Every structure is written in C-alpha cells, then in structure tokens.
Protein backbone atom coordinates (compact mmCIF):
# COMPACT_ATOMS: atom_id res chain seq x y z
CA MET A 1 -176.56 102.31 -73.65
CA SER A 2 -177.74 105.86 -73.05
CA PHE A 3 -180.69 106.73 -70.83
CA LYS A 4 -182.71 107.83 -73.91
CA ALA A 5 -182.04 104.51 -75.62
CA ILE A 6 -183.14 102.60 -72.51
CA VAL A 7 -186.34 104.67 -72.33
CA ARG A 8 -187.04 104.00 -76.03
CA VAL A 9 -186.54 100.23 -75.60
CA PHE A 10 -188.72 100.21 -72.48
CA SER A 11 -191.44 102.23 -74.25
CA VAL A 12 -191.47 99.87 -77.23
CA ALA A 13 -191.67 96.89 -74.86
CA LEU A 14 -194.65 98.45 -73.06
CA LEU A 15 -196.39 99.15 -76.36
CA MET A 16 -195.84 95.55 -77.44
CA VAL A 17 -197.25 94.21 -74.17
CA GLY A 18 -200.23 96.55 -74.49
CA ALA A 19 -200.86 95.47 -78.09
CA LEU A 20 -200.67 91.79 -77.15
CA SER A 21 -203.04 92.32 -74.23
CA ALA A 22 -205.41 94.25 -76.50
CA ASN A 23 -205.47 91.32 -78.95
CA VAL A 24 -206.67 88.97 -76.20
CA ALA A 25 -209.09 91.54 -74.77
CA SER A 26 -210.61 92.28 -78.17
CA ALA A 27 -211.30 88.58 -78.62
CA LYS A 28 -213.28 88.58 -75.39
CA ASP A 29 -215.46 91.44 -76.63
CA GLY A 30 -215.30 90.91 -80.41
CA LEU A 31 -214.99 88.16 -82.95
CA THR A 32 -211.31 87.92 -83.91
CA LEU A 33 -208.13 87.04 -82.03
CA ARG A 34 -204.78 87.73 -83.67
CA ILE A 35 -202.34 85.17 -82.30
CA GLY A 36 -198.58 85.55 -82.31
CA GLY A 37 -195.52 84.80 -80.27
CA VAL A 38 -192.65 82.45 -79.54
CA ALA A 39 -192.13 79.50 -77.24
CA ASN A 40 -189.17 77.54 -75.90
CA VAL A 41 -190.34 73.94 -75.58
CA TYR A 42 -188.68 71.41 -73.27
CA PHE A 43 -189.50 67.71 -73.48
CA ILE A 44 -190.10 65.93 -70.18
CA ASP A 45 -190.07 62.54 -71.92
CA SER A 46 -190.67 61.26 -75.47
CA THR A 47 -194.37 62.23 -75.47
CA HIS A 48 -194.75 65.19 -73.06
CA ALA A 49 -193.40 68.73 -73.22
CA VAL A 50 -193.92 72.09 -71.52
CA ALA A 51 -193.05 75.59 -72.65
CA SER A 52 -192.79 79.14 -71.50
CA ALA A 53 -194.11 81.46 -74.16
CA GLU A 54 -194.19 85.14 -75.04
CA GLY A 55 -196.93 86.83 -77.00
CA THR A 56 -200.58 85.82 -76.93
CA PHE A 57 -199.88 82.82 -74.71
CA ALA A 58 -197.87 82.66 -71.48
CA ALA A 59 -197.34 78.90 -71.35
CA LEU A 60 -198.31 75.66 -73.03
CA SER A 61 -198.13 71.91 -72.66
CA THR A 62 -197.90 69.28 -75.39
CA VAL A 63 -198.74 65.59 -75.65
CA VAL A 64 -197.54 63.58 -78.67
CA THR A 65 -200.41 61.24 -79.63
CA SER A 66 -198.87 59.64 -82.75
CA PHE A 67 -195.52 59.57 -84.53
CA VAL A 68 -195.48 58.16 -88.07
CA PRO A 69 -192.23 58.15 -90.12
CA GLN A 70 -192.87 58.56 -93.87
CA PRO A 71 -190.94 56.91 -96.75
CA ASP A 72 -189.43 60.29 -97.77
CA GLY A 73 -187.81 60.79 -94.32
CA THR A 74 -190.39 63.24 -93.01
CA ILE A 75 -192.42 62.43 -89.92
CA LEU A 76 -196.10 63.14 -89.28
CA ALA A 77 -196.95 63.58 -85.62
CA GLY A 78 -200.31 63.99 -83.93
CA LEU A 79 -200.28 66.39 -80.99
CA THR A 80 -202.57 67.86 -78.37
CA HIS A 81 -201.74 71.30 -76.95
CA ASN A 82 -203.07 73.28 -74.01
CA PHE A 83 -202.30 77.01 -74.47
CA ILE A 84 -202.72 79.33 -71.46
CA THR A 85 -202.90 83.15 -71.48
CA ALA A 86 -201.55 85.30 -68.65
CA ASP A 87 -205.10 85.74 -67.30
CA ASN A 88 -205.84 81.96 -67.42
CA GLY A 89 -207.78 81.93 -70.67
CA PHE A 90 -207.15 78.67 -72.48
CA ILE A 91 -207.24 77.07 -75.90
CA ILE A 92 -206.91 73.30 -76.38
CA THR A 93 -205.94 71.99 -79.81
CA ASP A 94 -205.54 68.71 -81.71
CA ASP A 95 -202.83 69.10 -84.30
CA VAL A 96 -200.80 67.69 -87.13
CA MET A 97 -197.06 68.36 -87.12
CA THR A 98 -194.86 67.75 -90.16
CA LEU A 99 -191.17 67.28 -89.34
CA VAL A 100 -188.52 67.57 -92.08
CA PRO A 101 -184.97 66.30 -91.35
CA VAL A 102 -182.17 68.87 -91.36
CA PRO A 103 -179.45 67.42 -93.64
CA GLY A 104 -176.24 66.56 -91.77
CA SER A 105 -177.86 66.91 -88.33
CA PRO A 106 -179.20 63.59 -87.04
CA ASN A 107 -182.48 63.89 -85.08
CA VAL A 108 -182.79 67.62 -85.84
CA PHE A 109 -185.88 68.73 -87.77
CA SER A 110 -187.59 71.82 -89.06
CA PHE A 111 -191.35 71.61 -88.57
CA THR A 112 -194.74 73.14 -89.17
CA VAL A 113 -197.87 72.62 -87.09
CA ASP A 114 -201.51 73.16 -88.03
CA TYR A 115 -203.37 73.76 -84.73
CA ILE A 116 -207.11 73.00 -84.69
CA VAL A 117 -208.98 74.47 -81.70
CA THR A 118 -211.13 71.81 -79.98
CA LYS A 119 -211.97 73.66 -76.75
CA SER A 120 -211.53 77.17 -75.37
CA GLY A 121 -212.59 78.95 -72.20
CA ASN A 122 -212.06 81.42 -69.35
CA GLY A 123 -212.86 84.36 -71.60
CA LEU A 124 -211.77 82.72 -74.85
CA GLU A 125 -214.94 80.72 -75.51
CA GLY A 126 -216.24 80.13 -79.03
CA PHE A 127 -213.09 79.49 -81.08
CA GLU A 128 -213.66 75.74 -81.62
CA GLY A 129 -212.90 74.58 -85.16
CA GLU A 130 -210.53 77.48 -85.92
CA HIS A 131 -206.91 76.97 -87.11
CA PHE A 132 -203.59 78.72 -86.51
CA ASN A 133 -199.99 77.72 -87.33
CA SER A 134 -196.44 77.47 -86.12
CA ARG A 135 -193.01 76.68 -87.46
CA GLY A 136 -189.66 76.06 -85.88
CA PHE A 137 -186.82 73.67 -85.19
CA ILE A 138 -186.64 70.69 -82.87
CA ASP A 139 -183.50 68.97 -81.62
CA MET A 140 -184.54 65.52 -80.44
CA ASN A 141 -181.01 64.90 -79.12
CA LYS A 142 -181.44 67.72 -76.61
CA GLY A 143 -185.23 67.52 -76.12
CA PHE A 144 -185.71 71.17 -77.11
CA ALA A 145 -187.75 73.06 -79.70
CA ALA A 146 -187.89 76.74 -80.67
CA VAL A 147 -191.31 77.74 -81.99
CA ARG A 148 -192.90 80.79 -83.66
CA TYR A 149 -196.72 80.64 -83.68
CA ASP A 150 -199.15 82.96 -85.45
CA GLY A 151 -202.51 83.28 -87.08
CA GLU A 152 -205.96 84.67 -86.61
CA ILE A 153 -208.97 82.85 -85.22
CA SER A 154 -212.59 83.99 -85.19
CA ARG A 155 -215.17 83.50 -82.49
CA LYS A 156 -218.34 81.81 -83.63
CA LYS A 157 -221.29 84.21 -83.69
CA LYS A 158 -223.97 83.36 -81.15
C-alpha cells in the first residue's frame, strides 16, 4: 500500500471517529443521538455475555432473562443490556430478541433485537423509553454473536 493510500485510510478513520464522537456529544447538548456500530459478543455462560464494540458504544454486557421456543422454530428471548460509551456514558435496556434458525446449521440463528432504554446516565440522561435495533447472527455452538446495531433516540425535553 502506498503512503498516499495509508494517509487516505487514516484520514477516513479519523473522520469516522470524529463523527461518532460528535454523535455522542450532540446528544449531551441536544435532543437526538444517532446510534450505530458493531459488536463481537462472547458468551460467558448460557445467560451472560460481554462484548467489545465499535461505534457509539465501546463495550456492552448482556443478561438473558427468558428464552421461549416457539412452535414455528423461532425463539423469543428477553434480554437486559448495559451499553457503555468510551467516556463512561451508559444506556441500560430491556429487550426482546427474535431468533430464526439458519437451515442446515444446528444452533445457529439470525436475529433481531428491539432495545428499549430503561435507564441512562453519565451525560446520556433522558433517553428512557426510546428504542433502537440490531441484527446479526449467533452461533450457540461456539458461544459467539456478530451484531450490527443502529437507530436514533431522542432525549426527553425538560
């Protein structure tokens, strides 16, 4: 890779980091937070997971609160998440995850999650009741999930 190409990649990376930081900062001063990023989730046991993330959040933890197989083969799971930003802002959510089996791959699912903010703080106060989403794949054989999260939440006016 040429020096110019490296500089271009580095410049784009810096712009992306600046834009992501601006999204969090604007939420502290304004009313809307655009959320977006990816996470690699690793299960500690059958009901607890942790993740490193890129984008709006730097890390997250997950607790599975319910797991209900449906007659059509899908699974509905209740979850609680604790999302942390790089500057220790946090959003806690109670969620519903829908898992759909991947044909021919036992214990592998595609999924969607509807996150519902129940508590927020350390500069991210006021987002309770807002929703954002994710989608991805989970391999229960390996205890790993790849997630893409996004959405927009609005701070309640005081």
